[in-house]
């Protein structure tokens, strides 16, 4: 979650939803802005979507799918609605609030998983969360450090955020929204080429996040800003460097799974079931 200025801001949220005991702006991402809200003993997160004209049928269909998700590695859904502020109406979601910050925040503070067990748990937790949403027909398409919360700051308890929003925006008729949904640094090469995301595109993104968290380095991107084409070409020239050469926090099984799910060709990546099976025995 980035610290950029909100499009609406707390005053607009209060205008649309009423007063809170506490309302804290947490940041903005690909799809909207997020707040921590407190009313009485109830603490939760509010995600206001930066999209006014999403068709009601499409929004309701996606929300119906979100209600079915119940997994410790996927943020819990509470409710949805429409927020009217400044003469406009925005859809919003209420979700559980995950204390402990996200992976991006921890990396910016130079905090990384402290053991092989933490790296393994980070990978298996994200794979399990992805498996849950994939089973419900949801592709995330924007897995990145800012979209992975750490419950209580624990690297062994990752939680996927912002799932289920990409498809609704991509399928809508809103022409101003960018056609390429996601964050280039964490996109699979097929997404960088402009092709549709698929299940193993999410697996690639998981691998990138875990590799970067454990080593402190992106598996392909240089520290300098890279174009989408340059990043694509670097992945194609792969494979990713064995993460054990950069950190002793990777065991053999974790390193092998990561290198496989970071393959350039989607069909060469492990599926989530195979990846989890390879990681079953520490």
Protein backbone atom coordinates (compact mmCIF):
# COMPACT_ATOMS: atom_id res chain seq x y z
CA UNK A 1 0.00 0.00 0.00
CA UNK A 2 1.59 3.28 -1.07
CA UNK A 3 1.46 6.51 0.90
CA UNK A 4 0.21 8.65 -1.97
CA UNK A 5 -2.56 11.15 -1.27
CA UNK A 6 -6.10 9.73 -1.32
CA UNK A 7 -8.53 10.64 -4.08
CA UNK A 8 -11.39 11.00 -1.60
CA UNK A 9 -9.87 11.36 1.86
CA UNK A 10 -11.28 10.73 5.35
CA UNK A 11 -13.74 13.66 5.22
CA UNK A 12 -15.41 12.21 2.13
CA UNK A 13 -15.64 8.77 3.74
CA UNK A 14 -17.28 10.29 6.81
CA UNK A 15 -19.64 12.24 4.54
CA UNK A 16 -20.72 9.02 2.86
CA UNK A 17 -20.69 6.57 5.77
CA UNK A 18 -21.13 8.66 8.91
CA UNK A 19 -18.82 9.31 11.85
CA UNK A 20 -16.27 6.84 13.22
CA UNK A 21 -14.49 6.68 16.53
CA UNK A 22 -11.28 6.37 14.51
CA UNK A 23 -10.67 6.59 10.76
CA UNK A 24 -7.08 6.22 9.54
CA UNK A 25 -5.99 6.46 5.91
CA UNK A 26 -3.67 3.52 5.21
CA UNK A 27 -2.76 4.11 1.58
CA UNK A 28 -3.78 3.74 -2.05
CA UNK A 29 -3.21 0.92 -4.49
CA UNK A 30 -4.20 -0.25 -7.95
CA UNK A 31 -7.92 -0.26 -7.26
CA UNK A 32 -8.60 2.36 -4.60
CA UNK A 33 -7.81 3.65 -1.15
CA UNK A 34 -7.94 1.84 2.18
CA UNK A 35 -8.83 2.98 5.68
CA UNK A 36 -8.70 1.48 9.14
CA UNK A 37 -12.05 2.14 10.79
CA UNK A 38 -13.16 1.80 14.41
CA UNK A 39 -16.70 2.04 15.75
CA UNK A 40 -17.03 1.01 19.37
CA UNK A 41 -15.31 -2.37 19.76
CA UNK A 42 -15.47 -3.05 16.02
CA UNK A 43 -12.26 -2.60 14.02
CA UNK A 44 -12.18 -3.26 10.28
CA UNK A 45 -10.80 -2.05 6.94
CA UNK A 46 -12.72 -0.07 4.32
CA UNK A 47 -11.63 -0.30 0.68
CA UNK A 48 -13.11 2.49 -1.46
CA UNK A 49 -12.87 1.61 -5.15
CA UNK A 50 -11.76 4.38 -7.54
CA UNK A 51 -14.40 3.48 -10.04
CA UNK A 52 -17.76 5.20 -10.17
CA UNK A 53 -19.57 3.53 -13.04
CA UNK A 54 -19.12 -0.18 -12.44
CA UNK A 55 -22.38 -1.89 -13.50
CA UNK A 56 -24.39 -3.03 -10.48
CA UNK A 57 -24.85 -6.57 -11.78
CA UNK A 58 -21.10 -6.99 -12.23
CA UNK A 59 -20.29 -5.59 -8.80
CA UNK A 60 -22.88 -7.79 -7.10
CA UNK A 61 -21.61 -10.86 -8.90
CA UNK A 62 -18.06 -10.29 -7.71
CA UNK A 63 -19.20 -9.52 -4.17
CA UNK A 64 -21.18 -12.77 -4.10
CA UNK A 65 -17.96 -14.63 -4.88
CA UNK A 66 -16.00 -12.74 -2.22
CA UNK A 67 -18.55 -13.81 0.40
CA UNK A 68 -17.67 -17.44 -0.26
CA UNK A 69 -13.99 -17.07 0.64
CA UNK A 70 -13.07 -18.35 4.10
CA UNK A 71 -9.36 -19.00 4.50
CA UNK A 72 -6.67 -17.79 6.95
CA UNK A 73 -4.41 -16.70 4.08
CA UNK A 74 -7.08 -14.55 2.39
CA UNK A 75 -8.47 -11.37 3.94
CA UNK A 76 -11.93 -11.87 5.41
CA UNK A 77 -14.88 -10.15 3.72
CA UNK A 78 -17.56 -8.41 5.82
CA UNK A 79 -19.87 -6.28 3.69
CA UNK A 80 -20.13 -4.06 0.63
CA UNK A 81 -22.02 -0.95 -0.39
CA UNK A 82 -21.95 2.38 -2.18
CA UNK A 83 -20.44 5.55 -0.79
CA UNK A 84 -21.87 8.90 -1.93
CA UNK A 85 -19.48 11.84 -1.56
CA UNK A 86 -18.90 15.05 -3.49
CA UNK A 87 -21.77 14.35 -5.85
CA UNK A 88 -20.32 10.97 -6.88
CA UNK A 89 -20.91 7.37 -5.81
CA UNK A 90 -18.16 4.82 -5.26
CA UNK A 91 -18.40 1.11 -4.42
CA UNK A 92 -16.66 0.04 -1.23
CA UNK A 93 -15.82 -3.15 0.66
CA UNK A 94 -15.57 -3.78 4.37
CA UNK A 95 -12.97 -6.40 5.28
CA UNK A 96 -11.19 -7.62 8.35
CA UNK A 97 -8.34 -5.37 9.46
CA UNK A 98 -4.98 -7.16 9.39
CA UNK A 99 -2.65 -5.64 11.95
CA UNK A 100 1.06 -6.07 11.33
CA UNK A 101 1.65 -4.20 8.07
CA UNK A 102 2.25 -5.56 4.58
CA UNK A 103 5.32 -7.09 3.01
CA UNK A 104 6.16 -3.87 1.16
CA UNK A 105 6.27 -1.91 4.42
CA UNK A 106 8.50 -4.50 6.07
CA UNK A 107 10.90 -4.56 3.13
CA UNK A 108 11.10 -0.76 3.11
CA UNK A 109 12.14 -0.97 6.76
CA UNK A 110 14.79 -3.55 5.80
CA UNK A 111 12.94 -6.34 7.59
CA UNK A 112 12.99 -9.77 5.96
CA UNK A 113 12.05 -13.32 6.97
CA UNK A 114 14.49 -14.40 9.65
CA UNK A 115 14.69 -18.13 9.04
CA UNK A 116 14.16 -20.94 6.55
CA UNK A 117 10.94 -21.79 8.36
CA UNK A 118 9.59 -18.26 7.80
CA UNK A 119 10.40 -18.30 4.08
CA UNK A 120 8.78 -21.72 3.69
CA UNK A 121 5.67 -20.59 5.62
CA UNK A 122 5.46 -17.40 3.56
CA UNK A 123 5.52 -19.42 0.34
CA UNK A 124 3.14 -22.17 1.46
CA UNK A 125 0.72 -19.64 2.97
CA UNK A 126 0.53 -17.61 -0.23
CA UNK A 127 0.15 -20.75 -2.34
CA UNK A 128 -2.67 -21.92 -0.07
CA UNK A 129 -4.41 -18.54 -0.34
CA UNK A 130 -4.08 -18.53 -4.12
CA UNK A 131 -5.41 -22.07 -4.25
CA UNK A 132 -8.49 -20.98 -2.31
CA UNK A 133 -9.40 -18.12 -4.63
CA UNK A 134 -8.58 -20.11 -7.76
CA UNK A 135 -10.95 -22.84 -6.62
CA UNK A 136 -13.68 -20.17 -6.60
CA UNK A 137 -12.81 -19.03 -10.10
CA UNK A 138 -10.98 -15.86 -9.00
CA UNK A 139 -7.69 -14.72 -10.52
CA UNK A 140 -5.92 -12.13 -8.43
CA UNK A 141 -3.71 -10.60 -11.16
CA UNK A 142 -2.07 -8.05 -8.85
CA UNK A 143 -0.14 -10.04 -6.25
CA UNK A 144 2.72 -7.87 -5.01
CA UNK A 145 4.35 -7.03 -1.64
CA UNK A 146 1.80 -4.28 -0.91
CA UNK A 147 -1.04 -6.76 -1.42
CA UNK A 148 0.30 -9.29 1.08
CA UNK A 149 -0.40 -8.45 4.71
CA UNK A 150 1.43 -10.15 7.59
CA UNK A 151 -0.94 -11.06 10.39
CA UNK A 152 0.56 -9.65 13.61
CA UNK A 153 3.73 -8.92 11.61
CA UNK A 154 4.43 -12.66 11.31
CA UNK A 155 6.13 -13.76 8.07
CA UNK A 156 4.58 -17.17 8.63
CA UNK A 157 1.04 -15.77 8.40
CA UNK A 158 0.71 -14.00 5.02
CA UNK A 159 -2.74 -12.78 3.95
CA UNK A 160 -3.74 -11.93 0.38
CA UNK A 161 -5.41 -8.54 -0.06
CA UNK A 162 -7.28 -6.93 -2.99
CA UNK A 163 -8.34 -10.19 -4.59
CA UNK A 164 -11.42 -10.41 -6.80
CA UNK A 165 -11.32 -6.81 -8.02
CA UNK A 166 -9.32 -7.10 -11.22
CA UNK A 167 -11.85 -9.14 -13.16
CA UNK A 168 -14.75 -6.81 -12.40
CA UNK A 169 -12.78 -3.78 -13.55
CA UNK A 170 -11.40 -5.52 -16.60
CA UNK A 171 -14.83 -6.76 -17.71
CA UNK A 172 -16.54 -3.41 -17.22
CA UNK A 173 -17.12 -0.87 -19.97
CA UNK A 174 -15.08 1.83 -18.27
CA UNK A 175 -12.61 2.79 -20.99
CA UNK A 176 -10.45 5.04 -18.82
CA UNK A 177 -9.21 2.16 -16.68
CA UNK A 178 -5.85 0.81 -17.89
CA UNK A 179 -6.17 -2.30 -20.03
CA UNK A 180 -3.12 -3.91 -18.40
CA UNK A 181 -4.21 -4.52 -14.82
CA UNK A 182 -1.48 -5.21 -12.29
CA UNK A 183 1.97 -4.00 -11.32
CA UNK A 184 4.57 -4.60 -14.02
CA UNK A 185 7.38 -5.52 -11.64
CA UNK A 186 5.36 -8.54 -10.46
CA UNK A 187 3.57 -9.45 -13.69
CA UNK A 188 4.18 -12.75 -15.38
CA UNK A 189 5.80 -12.43 -18.83
CA UNK A 190 2.55 -13.29 -20.61
CA UNK A 191 0.89 -10.34 -18.86
CA UNK A 192 3.80 -8.10 -19.87
CA UNK A 193 3.13 -9.14 -23.47
CA UNK A 194 -0.49 -8.02 -23.06
CA UNK A 195 -1.94 -11.55 -22.97
CA UNK A 196 -4.67 -12.43 -20.45
CA UNK A 197 -3.63 -13.54 -16.99
CA UNK A 198 -4.07 -17.18 -16.07
CA UNK A 199 -3.75 -19.20 -12.87
CA UNK A 200 -0.03 -19.69 -13.28
CA UNK A 201 0.39 -15.93 -13.71
CA UNK A 202 -0.62 -15.61 -10.06
CA UNK A 203 1.87 -18.36 -9.19
CA UNK A 204 4.62 -16.39 -10.91
CA UNK A 205 3.75 -13.31 -8.84
CA UNK A 206 3.83 -15.35 -5.62
CA UNK A 207 7.30 -16.58 -6.54
CA UNK A 208 8.50 -13.06 -7.20
CA UNK A 209 7.22 -11.78 -3.86
CA UNK A 210 8.75 -14.63 -1.86
CA UNK A 211 12.06 -14.47 -3.72
CA UNK A 212 12.32 -10.72 -3.14
CA UNK A 213 11.29 -10.98 0.50
CA UNK A 214 13.81 -13.71 1.25
CA UNK A 215 16.80 -12.38 -0.72
CA UNK A 216 16.19 -8.63 -0.77
CA UNK A 217 16.48 -8.71 -4.56
CA UNK A 218 13.95 -9.09 -7.37
CA UNK A 219 14.62 -12.31 -9.32
CA UNK A 220 14.86 -10.44 -12.63
CA UNK A 221 14.42 -6.66 -12.39
CA UNK A 222 17.42 -4.41 -11.88
CA UNK A 223 17.35 -1.67 -9.20
CA UNK A 224 16.90 0.88 -11.99
CA UNK A 225 13.48 1.48 -13.51
CA UNK A 226 12.90 -1.06 -16.30
CA UNK A 227 10.39 -0.88 -19.12
CA UNK A 228 7.86 -3.68 -19.45
CA UNK A 229 9.65 -4.89 -22.57
CA UNK A 230 13.07 -4.90 -20.88
CA UNK A 231 11.68 -6.84 -17.92
CA UNK A 232 9.98 -9.32 -20.24
CA UNK A 233 13.21 -9.88 -22.14
CA UNK A 234 15.14 -10.42 -18.90
CA UNK A 235 12.66 -13.08 -17.73
CA UNK A 236 12.83 -14.75 -21.15
CA UNK A 237 16.61 -14.87 -20.90
CA UNK A 238 16.28 -16.53 -17.43
CA UNK A 239 16.23 -18.70 -15.46
CA UNK A 240 16.10 -16.98 -12.10
CA UNK A 241 19.25 -17.27 -10.03
CA UNK A 242 19.06 -19.93 -7.32
CA UNK A 243 17.99 -17.96 -4.21
CA UNK A 244 20.35 -20.05 -2.04
CA UNK A 245 23.22 -18.17 -3.67
CA UNK A 246 21.85 -14.95 -2.15
CA UNK A 247 20.53 -16.10 1.23
CA UNK A 248 20.81 -19.11 3.52
CA UNK A 249 17.10 -18.81 4.37
CA UNK A 250 16.05 -21.09 1.50
CA UNK A 251 16.05 -24.85 1.76
CA UNK A 252 16.41 -27.07 -1.31
CA UNK A 253 12.68 -27.72 -1.80
CA UNK A 254 11.69 -24.05 -1.49
CA UNK A 255 14.45 -22.96 -3.87
CA UNK A 256 13.44 -25.58 -6.45
CA UNK A 257 9.75 -24.63 -6.29
CA UNK A 258 10.56 -20.93 -6.63
CA UNK A 259 12.76 -21.39 -9.68
CA UNK A 260 10.05 -23.52 -11.32
CA UNK A 261 7.17 -21.10 -10.74
CA UNK A 262 9.36 -18.28 -12.05
CA UNK A 263 9.72 -19.99 -15.43
CA UNK A 264 9.19 -17.86 -18.52
CA UNK A 265 6.69 -20.27 -20.09
CA UNK A 266 3.50 -20.72 -18.11
CA UNK A 267 3.22 -24.44 -18.89
CA UNK A 268 6.68 -25.02 -17.37
CA UNK A 269 5.61 -23.58 -14.00
CA UNK A 270 4.41 -25.89 -11.28
CA UNK A 271 0.69 -25.80 -10.64
CA UNK A 272 -0.34 -24.84 -7.14
CA UNK A 273 -1.23 -28.41 -6.11
CA UNK A 274 2.14 -29.73 -7.28
CA UNK A 275 3.98 -26.86 -5.58
CA UNK A 276 2.20 -27.45 -2.26
CA UNK A 277 2.83 -31.19 -2.51
CA UNK A 278 6.55 -30.58 -3.01
CA UNK A 279 6.57 -28.41 0.13
CA UNK A 280 4.59 -30.75 2.38
CA UNK A 281 7.57 -32.14 4.29
CA UNK A 282 9.95 -29.57 5.80
